[in-house]
Amino acid sequence: MLKIRKGDKVVVLAGRDKGKEGEVLRVLADENRAIVQGVNMVKRHTRQRPGEPGGIVEKESAIHMSNVAHKDPKSSKPTRVGFKVLADGKKVRVARASGEVIDG
């Protein structure tokens, strides 16, 4: 089970975008990578298509999962993620630093 999912708020730990924060737009589980909003921007030369202008387009590129960490809901600092089973039997992700539940 992956600890980082689409929609999570993450902090970049390494690379040229170190310290930047963003939301996970897409997770590439088989490659162990994630696409984070506003992080690892690359320029792509695209051809003009019907309804789409051509030219140089800037978009997000995938970043390795080891270089991102969850943003703690309490302190907004990077934290590791653990799992906990609630009283009703539901398995949830929790922030290791604060013990706060990440997903409802």
C-alpha atoms as a PDB file:
ATOM      1  CA  MET A   1       0.000   0.000   0.000  1.00  0.00           C
ATOM      2  CA  LEU A   2       1.398   3.399  -1.018  1.00  0.00           C
ATOM      3  CA  LYS A   3       1.865   6.057   1.612  1.00  0.00           C
ATOM      4  CA  ILE A   4       1.522   8.959  -0.835  1.00  0.00           C
ATOM      5  CA  ARG A   5      -1.699   9.300  -2.825  1.00  0.00           C
ATOM      6  CA  LYS A   6      -3.313  11.732  -5.249  1.00  0.00           C
ATOM      7  CA  GLY A   7      -4.468  14.901  -3.490  1.00  0.00           C
ATOM      8  CA  ASP A   8      -1.938  14.701  -0.632  1.00  0.00           C
ATOM      9  CA  LYS A   9       0.004  17.799   0.430  1.00  0.00           C
ATOM     10  CA  VAL A  10       3.736  17.065   0.239  1.00  0.00           C
ATOM     11  CA  VAL A  11       7.104  18.785   0.788  1.00  0.00           C
ATOM     12  CA  VAL A  12      10.110  18.222  -1.511  1.00  0.00           C
ATOM     13  CA  LEU A  13      13.133  16.952   0.446  1.00  0.00           C
ATOM     14  CA  ALA A  14      15.838  16.892  -2.227  1.00  0.00           C
ATOM     15  CA  GLY A  15      16.723  18.253  -5.639  1.00  0.00           C
ATOM     16  CA  ARG A  16      16.515  21.699  -7.215  1.00  0.00           C
ATOM     17  CA  ASP A  17      13.006  22.249  -5.811  1.00  0.00           C
ATOM     18  CA  LYS A  18      13.965  21.377  -2.219  1.00  0.00           C
ATOM     19  CA  GLY A  19      11.624  22.988   0.310  1.00  0.00           C
ATOM     20  CA  LYS A  20       8.775  23.552  -2.144  1.00  0.00           C
ATOM     21  CA  GLU A  21       5.301  22.371  -1.203  1.00  0.00           C
ATOM     22  CA  GLY A  22       2.526  21.175  -3.466  1.00  0.00           C
ATOM     23  CA  GLU A  23      -0.344  18.813  -4.054  1.00  0.00           C
ATOM     24  CA  VAL A  24       0.129  15.403  -5.658  1.00  0.00           C
ATOM     25  CA  LEU A  25      -1.599  15.455  -9.047  1.00  0.00           C
ATOM     26  CA  ARG A  26      -0.786  11.897 -10.090  1.00  0.00           C
ATOM     27  CA  VAL A  27       1.005   8.847  -8.692  1.00  0.00           C
ATOM     28  CA  LEU A  28       2.988   6.525 -10.975  1.00  0.00           C
ATOM     29  CA  ALA A  29       3.077   3.502  -8.659  1.00  0.00           C
ATOM     30  CA  ASP A  30       4.939   1.149 -11.011  1.00  0.00           C
ATOM     31  CA  GLU A  31       7.784   3.693 -11.398  1.00  0.00           C
ATOM     32  CA  ASN A  32       7.647   4.794  -7.713  1.00  0.00           C
ATOM     33  CA  ARG A  33       7.204   8.413  -8.792  1.00  0.00           C
ATOM     34  CA  ALA A  34       4.685  11.218  -8.285  1.00  0.00           C
ATOM     35  CA  ILE A  35       3.757  14.380 -10.174  1.00  0.00           C
ATOM     36  CA  VAL A  36       3.525  17.326  -7.770  1.00  0.00           C
ATOM     37  CA  GLN A  37       1.869  20.634  -8.640  1.00  0.00           C
ATOM     38  CA  GLY A  38       4.430  23.375  -9.397  1.00  0.00           C
ATOM     39  CA  VAL A  39       7.441  21.131  -8.727  1.00  0.00           C
ATOM     40  CA  ASN A  40      10.089  19.840 -11.179  1.00  0.00           C
ATOM     41  CA  MET A  41       8.873  22.060 -14.020  1.00  0.00           C
ATOM     42  CA  VAL A  42      10.176  21.214 -17.498  1.00  0.00           C
ATOM     43  CA  LYS A  43       9.731  22.896 -20.873  1.00  0.00           C
ATOM     44  CA  ARG A  44       8.246  20.861 -23.703  1.00  0.00           C
ATOM     45  CA  HIS A  45       8.117  21.907 -27.348  1.00  0.00           C
ATOM     46  CA  THR A  46       4.659  20.922 -28.546  1.00  0.00           C
ATOM     47  CA  ARG A  47       3.056  20.882 -31.969  1.00  0.00           C
ATOM     48  CA  GLN A  48      -0.091  22.821 -32.661  1.00  0.00           C
ATOM     49  CA  ARG A  49      -3.253  20.728 -32.496  1.00  0.00           C
ATOM     50  CA  PRO A  50      -6.872  21.660 -33.158  1.00  0.00           C
ATOM     51  CA  GLY A  51      -7.950  23.715 -30.160  1.00  0.00           C
ATOM     52  CA  GLU A  52      -4.444  23.741 -28.668  1.00  0.00           C
ATOM     53  CA  PRO A  53      -1.755  26.290 -29.459  1.00  0.00           C
ATOM     54  CA  GLY A  54       1.759  25.072 -30.209  1.00  0.00           C
ATOM     55  CA  GLY A  55       4.999  26.390 -28.780  1.00  0.00           C
ATOM     56  CA  ILE A  56       6.963  25.924 -25.607  1.00  0.00           C
ATOM     57  CA  VAL A  57       4.788  24.615 -22.780  1.00  0.00           C
ATOM     58  CA  GLU A  58       5.948  24.395 -19.172  1.00  0.00           C
ATOM     59  CA  LYS A  59       4.590  21.439 -17.201  1.00  0.00           C
ATOM     60  CA  GLU A  60       5.323  19.273 -14.170  1.00  0.00           C
ATOM     61  CA  SER A  61       7.560  16.238 -14.477  1.00  0.00           C
ATOM     62  CA  ALA A  62       7.608  13.183 -12.211  1.00  0.00           C
ATOM     63  CA  ILE A  63       9.692  13.211  -9.029  1.00  0.00           C
ATOM     64  CA  HIS A  64      10.832  10.125  -7.125  1.00  0.00           C
ATOM     65  CA  MET A  65       8.787   9.225  -4.030  1.00  0.00           C
ATOM     66  CA  SER A  66      11.913   9.142  -1.853  1.00  0.00           C
ATOM     67  CA  ASN A  67      12.359  12.873  -2.490  1.00  0.00           C
ATOM     68  CA  VAL A  68       8.943  13.888  -1.151  1.00  0.00           C
ATOM     69  CA  ALA A  69       7.424  13.663   2.324  1.00  0.00           C
ATOM     70  CA  HIS A  70       3.956  14.287   3.704  1.00  0.00           C
ATOM     71  CA  LYS A  71       3.215  17.700   5.164  1.00  0.00           C
ATOM     72  CA  ASP A  72       2.211  17.308   8.827  1.00  0.00           C
ATOM     73  CA  PRO A  73      -1.405  18.520   9.330  1.00  0.00           C
ATOM     74  CA  LYS A  74      -0.444  20.084  12.691  1.00  0.00           C
ATOM     75  CA  SER A  75       3.004  21.653  12.206  1.00  0.00           C
ATOM     76  CA  SER A  76       3.209  21.849   8.368  1.00  0.00           C
ATOM     77  CA  LYS A  77       6.674  20.232   8.522  1.00  0.00           C
ATOM     78  CA  PRO A  78       7.713  17.066   6.629  1.00  0.00           C
ATOM     79  CA  THR A  79       6.755  13.844   8.392  1.00  0.00           C
ATOM     80  CA  ARG A  80       6.856  10.117   7.847  1.00  0.00           C
ATOM     81  CA  VAL A  81       3.640   8.163   7.489  1.00  0.00           C
ATOM     82  CA  GLY A  82       2.414   5.206   9.483  1.00  0.00           C
ATOM     83  CA  PHE A  83      -0.774   3.166   9.531  1.00  0.00           C
ATOM     84  CA  LYS A  84      -3.264   2.718  12.330  1.00  0.00           C
ATOM     85  CA  VAL A  85      -6.435   0.662  12.631  1.00  0.00           C
ATOM     86  CA  LEU A  86      -9.284   2.617  14.220  1.00  0.00           C
ATOM     87  CA  ALA A  87     -11.837   1.178  16.649  1.00  0.00           C
ATOM     88  CA  ASP A  88     -14.350   0.664  13.832  1.00  0.00           C
ATOM     89  CA  GLY A  89     -11.799  -1.445  11.909  1.00  0.00           C
ATOM     90  CA  LYS A  90     -10.895   1.225   9.356  1.00  0.00           C
ATOM     91  CA  LYS A  91      -7.195   1.439   8.402  1.00  0.00           C
ATOM     92  CA  VAL A  92      -5.970   5.044   8.162  1.00  0.00           C
ATOM     93  CA  ARG A  93      -2.690   6.838   7.529  1.00  0.00           C
ATOM     94  CA  VAL A  94      -1.229   8.838  10.424  1.00  0.00           C
ATOM     95  CA  ALA A  95       1.577  11.393  10.640  1.00  0.00           C
ATOM     96  CA  ARG A  96       4.401   9.906  12.690  1.00  0.00           C
ATOM     97  CA  ALA A  97       5.516  13.279  14.079  1.00  0.00           C
ATOM     98  CA  SER A  98       2.180  14.425  15.541  1.00  0.00           C
ATOM     99  CA  GLY A  99       0.027  11.278  15.473  1.00  0.00           C
ATOM    100  CA  GLU A 100      -2.600  13.217  13.500  1.00  0.00           C
ATOM    101  CA  VAL A 101      -4.814  11.234  11.075  1.00  0.00           C
ATOM    102  CA  ILE A 102      -4.022  12.163   7.439  1.00  0.00           C
ATOM    103  CA  ASP A 103      -7.079  10.710   5.709  1.00  0.00           C
ATOM    104  CA  GLY A 104     -10.524  10.882   7.319  1.00  0.00           C
END
